[in-house]
């Protein structure tokens, strides 16, 4: 596996060179999750998370520095959009995490998964994202194929439709966070541009294009006392059933952070929500947080530094 981008993006005759994003800090959580704080050539923060698991490991990468979508429960939104990342910067994140976890030159372990669920909206970095995924899928390089990749979007409808027309594509996940437009307008302002009816119609088109073995998922962040009532669960199930959608729902208890006015739903509320969905024929699963103690969990990436928990990387790019 290459230690830098130079082997993946060779120097051309016009003297264009591959840029490298330096590793600034490395944090390790109690559960083994690692958060990497990187910096672009123009000084902007980028974060990547490595999540070790028993049967496979997952790398969560960013598509933008910051994010423009202003989701009310996400700490990354506080940064605003700083810049969309290039394909090279996306690939370099993955290389940094792989090299740190397995050693420079090690073969990518079979089953390694990638998720575009870090900072930014991947579908606002669509061209860079697809170029990067083509690079990492190359059998002479990292060889992480689209079937091992999931891209999460807040609901950029035109790009959902565009992805549906791409044969060799990653899995898709849609972040909902609310079962009605009134609440989703507050929690996820992108809903004012593409409301639920339009979003779920695009989802239905996408679902109809699924190939055998392809996964399509909805994600629902549970906020205590905000979107987690039994009535919300019934409304969500009815919404998905009305649109004929069969995708599973991942329930994600909110990951709290200073500066966010929300708390995670208690365990009994999470389970009640799940039971109601399942009683109405909706497959539901609870996704447990990873790396909360180092600000590496979903919705916590905001380039925060903590000198008390920072650790040196096992390698440095040269």
Foldseek 3Di string as FASTA:
>chain_A
DALACCVLDPQDPVRDGQFAWFFDFWFADPQGKIKTWTAGPVGATFIKIWADDDVEIEIAGEQFRAEQFPQQQFPSVVVHGDGGDALRHRLNSVSQVCCLVPNHPDQQDPLYAYEPQGHYFCLVNVVRVVVNQVSCCDPVHNNPFQARYEYEGQFPLVVLLVQLPDDRHHAYEYEDQFLALVLCCRRTVCCVVVPPVNRLLSVLVSVVSDDPSGAYEYEHEAWAPRQQALVRLLSNLCSCVVSPHAHAYEYEFRLDDPPRPTGGHDPVSVVSSCVSSVVSPHHYHYDYFDPSVPQPTRSRDHSDDDVVRTDDGPDTRD
